[in-house]
Amino acid sequence: MSAEALLQQLEWTVIRRLDGLLQGDHRSLFRGSGLELADLREYQTHDDVRHIDWNVTARMQTPFVREHQEDREISAWFLLDLSGSMDFGSTEHSKRDVMLRFVGVMAKLLMQRGNRIGALVLNPAEPEGFQYIPARMHRRHLLHVLHVLASSPTTQQPHQTKLNDWLRKANGLLKRRSSVFVVSDFMGVFDWASELSALGRRHDTVAVRLFDPAEVNIPNAGLMLLKDSESAEQLLLDTANQKFRNRYAQMLEQREQELATSFANAGVDALELSTDEDLASALMRFSELRKRRVWRA
């Protein structure tokens, strides 16, 4: 499917639904983007208590609130992982397919609000391992981003996904406050937490974790020869063996806890997208989560 055909399909099947459900208010999806601190003043009876600056209030011994102004030149950045594992899918869609659909929907919604979009693609097939797409507006630019994601080859050589280097490069490139979506399956070693934390301190950052049901619930299919799409290592596994299935479940639970802890410590919101889940439903669930967090803040 071409980038134009994919975007048209998403406009009819997903974006229309989200516009109706969100009723034109996308702030719960893009919290904090486009706002810069303009002034501080004393609290008045009609003010929203969520805008109270508690540090200043404690020093002055009287409530003060923050006033913000909208920054019309905010950019949204998509950090996109195109390492070998992203082409895996046990259902109709691979993780790369889900990434394409997510970027198409979110970028379109952001551009409707006047935001530019850019991308930093992690791709071991590239000479430097990365591909940089500057932030711009307009439909033609979005189609270019989608075409790059759909057509970029996956390296056939053994490689190690370097999420830490990718996030470090993003921290060096993104100077102004932006909305940042880090889209990956976050497989491999957990050496990226500090870089993600640095990104989260400077930007409104969302970790979008992609996964496939077969990675969570390994099928009971007897002997299976599995190949790691990145290291090329092959393993013969007896998936019918209960001890193996128990060990795998324990390992998976530990990994899930490590991921959740890493995201929480980095101070970023996390959105999980499965290859068999309806995208609009997942985004609405995420919107409700962000709304609840704003009200608790």
Protein backbone atom coordinates (compact mmCIF):
# COMPACT_ATOMS: atom_id res chain seq x y z
CA MET A 1 0.00 0.00 0.00
CA SER A 2 1.33 3.46 -0.93
CA ALA A 3 1.79 6.20 1.68
CA GLU A 4 -1.09 8.18 0.13
CA ALA A 5 -3.45 5.18 0.21
CA LEU A 6 -2.50 4.40 3.82
CA LEU A 7 -3.10 7.98 4.95
CA GLN A 8 -6.48 8.09 3.20
CA GLN A 9 -7.48 4.82 4.87
CA LEU A 10 -6.44 6.16 8.30
CA GLU A 11 -8.38 9.39 7.73
CA TRP A 12 -11.55 7.38 7.11
CA THR A 13 -11.12 4.61 9.67
CA VAL A 14 -9.24 6.14 12.64
CA ILE A 15 -8.85 9.93 12.51
CA ARG A 16 -12.58 10.50 11.92
CA ARG A 17 -13.41 8.38 14.97
CA LEU A 18 -10.88 10.18 17.17
CA ASP A 19 -12.07 13.62 16.09
CA GLY A 20 -15.60 12.63 17.04
CA LEU A 21 -14.65 11.06 20.36
CA LEU A 22 -12.27 13.85 21.39
CA GLN A 23 -14.74 16.48 20.15
CA GLY A 24 -11.93 18.57 18.75
CA ASP A 25 -10.03 18.74 22.05
CA HIS A 26 -6.72 16.95 21.65
CA ARG A 27 -5.06 18.38 24.76
CA SER A 28 -5.31 15.05 26.59
CA LEU A 29 -3.24 13.42 23.85
CA PHE A 30 -0.70 16.23 23.57
CA ARG A 31 -0.45 17.51 27.13
CA GLY A 32 1.93 20.38 27.73
CA SER A 33 2.87 21.04 24.10
CA GLY A 34 2.73 24.60 22.89
CA LEU A 35 2.83 26.24 26.34
CA GLU A 36 5.58 28.46 27.73
CA LEU A 37 5.66 30.12 31.16
CA ALA A 38 4.77 33.80 30.69
CA ASP A 39 4.27 35.18 34.22
CA LEU A 40 3.44 34.52 37.87
CA ARG A 41 0.71 36.36 39.79
CA GLU A 42 -1.28 36.03 43.00
CA TYR A 43 -4.10 33.50 43.06
CA GLN A 44 -7.65 34.79 42.47
CA THR A 45 -10.90 33.02 43.33
CA HIS A 46 -11.70 32.00 39.73
CA ASP A 47 -8.24 30.51 39.02
CA ASP A 48 -7.67 26.81 38.36
CA VAL A 49 -5.89 25.34 41.40
CA ARG A 50 -3.89 23.09 39.07
CA HIS A 51 -1.94 26.19 37.96
CA ILE A 52 -0.70 27.01 41.47
CA ASP A 53 3.10 27.18 41.66
CA TRP A 54 3.70 25.51 45.02
CA ASN A 55 7.39 26.44 45.25
CA VAL A 56 6.67 30.15 44.87
CA THR A 57 3.62 29.84 47.13
CA ALA A 58 5.78 28.33 49.89
CA ARG A 59 8.36 31.13 49.62
CA MET A 60 5.83 33.99 49.47
CA GLN A 61 3.40 32.50 52.01
CA THR A 62 0.51 33.32 49.67
CA PRO A 63 -0.81 31.36 46.65
CA PHE A 64 0.70 32.21 43.27
CA VAL A 65 -0.41 30.80 39.89
CA ARG A 66 1.48 30.28 36.63
CA GLU A 67 0.31 32.03 33.48
CA HIS A 68 1.23 30.48 30.14
CA GLN A 69 1.25 31.62 26.56
CA GLU A 70 0.88 29.40 23.52
CA ASP A 71 3.96 28.80 21.38
CA ARG A 72 2.75 28.55 17.80
CA GLU A 73 6.05 27.07 16.61
CA ILE A 74 6.07 23.89 18.69
CA SER A 75 7.38 20.80 16.92
CA ALA A 76 6.48 17.16 17.36
CA TRP A 77 9.21 14.58 16.92
CA PHE A 78 8.84 10.88 16.26
CA LEU A 79 11.81 8.73 17.31
CA LEU A 80 11.24 5.56 15.30
CA ASP A 81 12.96 2.22 15.82
CA LEU A 82 13.39 0.29 12.55
CA SER A 83 15.67 -2.43 13.89
CA GLY A 84 15.15 -6.02 12.75
CA SER A 85 12.61 -7.00 15.42
CA MET A 86 10.09 -4.45 14.14
CA ASP A 87 9.22 -6.59 11.10
CA PHE A 88 7.90 -9.39 13.31
CA GLY A 89 4.18 -10.04 13.41
CA SER A 90 2.14 -13.17 14.16
CA THR A 91 -1.14 -11.48 13.16
CA GLU A 92 -2.23 -9.53 10.10
CA HIS A 93 0.08 -6.65 11.01
CA SER A 94 3.76 -6.47 11.96
CA LYS A 95 5.10 -4.04 14.54
CA ARG A 96 6.34 -1.86 11.68
CA ASP A 97 2.77 -1.75 10.30
CA VAL A 98 1.48 -0.57 13.66
CA MET A 99 4.22 2.07 13.78
CA LEU A 100 3.18 3.35 10.35
CA ARG A 101 -0.45 3.63 11.39
CA PHE A 102 0.40 5.30 14.70
CA VAL A 103 2.66 7.89 13.05
CA GLY A 104 0.08 8.58 10.34
CA VAL A 105 -2.68 9.22 12.87
CA MET A 106 -0.72 11.21 15.44
CA ALA A 107 1.14 13.31 12.88
CA LYS A 108 -2.11 14.18 11.12
CA LEU A 109 -3.77 15.24 14.38
CA LEU A 110 -0.73 17.30 15.37
CA MET A 111 -0.52 19.03 12.02
CA GLN A 112 -4.21 19.95 12.30
CA ARG A 113 -3.22 21.92 15.40
CA GLY A 114 -0.48 23.81 13.52
CA ASN A 115 2.48 21.71 14.66
CA ARG A 116 5.41 20.72 12.51
CA ILE A 117 6.56 17.09 12.58
CA GLY A 118 10.02 15.58 12.25
CA ALA A 119 11.60 12.18 12.76
CA LEU A 120 14.80 10.53 13.87
CA VAL A 121 14.79 6.97 12.54
CA LEU A 122 16.97 4.29 14.11
CA ASN A 123 17.92 1.98 11.25
CA PRO A 124 21.01 -0.27 11.34
CA ALA A 125 20.82 -0.47 7.52
CA GLU A 126 21.82 3.21 7.31
CA PRO A 127 25.59 3.97 7.15
CA GLU A 128 25.49 5.98 10.41
CA GLY A 129 22.65 3.94 11.90
CA PHE A 130 20.24 6.89 11.88
CA GLN A 131 18.13 8.87 9.43
CA TYR A 132 17.16 12.45 10.28
CA ILE A 133 14.02 14.05 8.79
CA PRO A 134 13.70 17.78 9.65
CA ALA A 135 10.45 19.07 11.14
CA ARG A 136 8.10 20.53 8.55
CA MET A 137 4.40 21.02 7.86
CA HIS A 138 1.96 19.93 5.15
CA ARG A 139 0.60 16.66 3.86
CA ARG A 140 3.42 16.10 1.38
CA HIS A 141 5.94 16.06 4.23
CA LEU A 142 3.87 13.52 6.19
CA LEU A 143 3.66 11.32 3.10
CA HIS A 144 7.47 11.47 2.84
CA VAL A 145 7.85 10.33 6.46
CA LEU A 146 5.42 7.44 5.92
CA HIS A 147 7.20 6.44 2.69
CA VAL A 148 10.55 6.34 4.49
CA LEU A 149 9.10 4.10 7.21
CA ALA A 150 7.39 1.76 4.74
CA SER A 151 10.25 1.42 2.26
CA SER A 152 13.39 1.50 4.43
CA PRO A 153 15.12 -1.89 4.17
CA THR A 154 15.96 -3.93 7.23
CA THR A 155 19.58 -4.99 7.47
CA GLN A 156 20.19 -8.70 6.97
CA GLN A 157 23.45 -8.54 8.91
CA PRO A 158 23.62 -9.43 12.61
CA HIS A 159 23.35 -6.26 14.67
CA GLN A 160 22.59 -4.94 18.12
CA THR A 161 19.91 -2.30 18.60
CA LYS A 162 21.54 0.71 20.25
CA LEU A 163 18.63 2.51 21.87
CA ASN A 164 20.97 4.43 24.15
CA ASP A 165 22.92 5.96 21.22
CA TRP A 166 19.66 6.79 19.45
CA LEU A 167 18.20 8.63 22.45
CA ARG A 168 21.51 10.40 23.10
CA LYS A 169 21.49 11.67 19.51
CA ALA A 170 17.91 12.89 19.96
CA ASN A 171 18.87 14.74 23.14
CA GLY A 172 21.61 16.51 21.19
CA LEU A 173 19.36 17.42 18.25
CA LEU A 174 16.18 18.60 19.98
CA LYS A 175 16.99 22.00 21.45
CA ARG A 176 13.52 23.52 21.88
CA ARG A 177 10.76 22.00 23.96
CA SER A 178 8.74 19.61 21.81
CA SER A 179 6.25 16.78 21.90
CA VAL A 180 8.31 13.59 21.52
CA PHE A 181 7.05 10.08 20.76
CA VAL A 182 9.63 7.32 21.24
CA VAL A 183 8.27 4.38 19.23
CA SER A 184 10.03 1.03 19.78
CA ASP A 185 9.57 -2.47 21.15
CA PHE A 186 12.32 -1.58 23.66
CA MET A 187 13.97 -4.98 23.33
CA GLY A 188 17.57 -5.54 24.30
CA VAL A 189 19.59 -4.30 27.26
CA PHE A 190 18.26 -1.62 29.61
CA ASP A 191 21.07 0.89 29.13
CA TRP A 192 18.86 3.73 27.87
CA ALA A 193 17.04 4.83 31.04
CA SER A 194 19.20 7.90 31.76
CA GLU A 195 18.92 9.20 28.19
CA LEU A 196 15.14 8.70 28.21
CA SER A 197 14.98 10.52 31.55
CA ALA A 198 16.94 13.45 30.08
CA LEU A 199 14.51 13.54 27.15
CA GLY A 200 11.53 13.47 29.52
CA ARG A 201 12.83 16.40 31.58
CA ARG A 202 13.07 18.68 28.55
CA HIS A 203 10.11 17.55 26.44
CA ASP A 204 6.55 16.22 26.72
CA THR A 205 7.65 12.65 26.06
CA VAL A 206 5.62 9.50 25.44
CA ALA A 207 7.18 6.03 25.20
CA VAL A 208 5.15 4.05 22.65
CA ARG A 209 5.95 0.39 23.20
CA LEU A 210 5.00 -1.99 20.37
CA PHE A 211 4.55 -5.72 20.93
CA ASP A 212 3.05 -8.82 19.35
CA PRO A 213 0.77 -11.28 21.21
CA ALA A 214 3.12 -14.17 20.39
CA GLU A 215 5.90 -12.39 22.30
CA VAL A 216 3.71 -12.27 25.41
CA ASN A 217 1.99 -15.64 25.18
CA ILE A 218 4.29 -18.05 23.39
CA PRO A 219 2.14 -20.65 21.57
CA ASN A 220 2.14 -24.29 22.69
CA ALA A 221 3.33 -25.70 19.35
CA GLY A 222 5.87 -28.34 20.33
CA LEU A 223 9.38 -28.01 18.92
CA MET A 224 10.00 -24.61 17.34
CA LEU A 225 13.15 -23.25 15.68
CA LEU A 226 13.36 -19.56 16.49
CA LYS A 227 15.78 -17.05 15.01
CA ASP A 228 16.68 -13.73 16.58
CA SER A 229 16.08 -11.13 13.85
CA GLU A 230 18.93 -8.96 15.12
CA SER A 231 21.67 -11.29 16.37
CA ALA A 232 20.78 -14.13 13.90
CA GLU A 233 21.10 -16.58 16.81
CA GLN A 234 18.92 -19.70 16.40
CA LEU A 235 17.31 -21.67 19.22
CA LEU A 236 15.37 -24.94 19.18
CA LEU A 237 12.70 -24.72 21.85
CA ASP A 238 10.17 -27.22 23.15
CA THR A 239 7.20 -24.93 23.66
CA ALA A 240 5.12 -27.83 25.00
CA ASN A 241 7.45 -28.25 27.97
CA GLN A 242 5.73 -26.82 31.05
CA LYS A 243 8.98 -26.00 32.87
CA PHE A 244 10.14 -23.99 29.86
CA ARG A 245 6.81 -22.17 29.68
CA ASN A 246 6.99 -21.34 33.39
CA ARG A 247 10.56 -19.99 33.06
CA TYR A 248 9.54 -17.93 30.06
CA ALA A 249 6.57 -16.48 31.96
CA GLN A 250 8.84 -15.53 34.88
CA MET A 251 11.38 -13.93 32.56
CA LEU A 252 8.63 -12.00 30.79
CA GLU A 253 7.16 -10.75 34.07
CA GLN A 254 10.59 -9.53 35.20
CA ARG A 255 11.11 -7.74 31.89
CA GLU A 256 7.69 -6.07 32.10
CA GLN A 257 8.50 -4.82 35.60
CA GLU A 258 11.86 -3.45 34.43
CA LEU A 259 10.19 -1.63 31.54
CA ALA A 260 7.50 -0.11 33.76
CA THR A 261 10.11 0.98 36.31
CA SER A 262 12.32 2.51 33.61
CA PHE A 263 9.43 4.52 32.15
CA ALA A 264 8.27 5.66 35.60
CA ASN A 265 11.77 6.68 36.70
CA ALA A 266 12.21 8.60 33.44
CA GLY A 267 8.99 10.51 34.14
CA VAL A 268 7.42 9.68 30.77
CA ASP A 269 3.98 8.38 29.94
CA ALA A 270 3.80 4.96 28.30
CA LEU A 271 1.42 3.79 25.58
CA GLU A 272 1.40 0.09 24.72
CA LEU A 273 0.25 -0.92 21.22
CA SER A 274 -0.33 -4.53 20.23
CA THR A 275 -0.29 -5.72 16.63
CA ASP A 276 -3.82 -7.12 17.12
CA GLU A 277 -5.39 -4.06 18.82
CA ASP A 278 -7.66 -1.39 17.35
CA LEU A 279 -5.57 1.79 17.15
CA ALA A 280 -8.40 4.23 17.85
CA SER A 281 -9.41 2.32 21.00
CA ALA A 282 -5.81 2.28 22.24
CA LEU A 283 -5.43 6.04 21.72
CA MET A 284 -8.70 6.76 23.51
CA ARG A 285 -7.56 4.62 26.45
CA PHE A 286 -4.32 6.59 26.54
CA SER A 287 -6.24 9.89 26.34
CA GLU A 288 -8.31 8.94 29.39
CA LEU A 289 -5.16 7.99 31.29
CA ARG A 290 -3.60 11.39 30.61
CA LYS A 291 -6.78 13.19 31.60
CA ARG A 292 -6.80 11.43 34.97
CA ARG A 293 -3.16 12.33 35.55
CA VAL A 294 -3.80 15.98 34.74
CA TRP A 295 -6.67 16.13 37.25
CA ARG A 296 -4.50 14.50 39.94
CA ALA A 297 -1.63 16.93 39.27
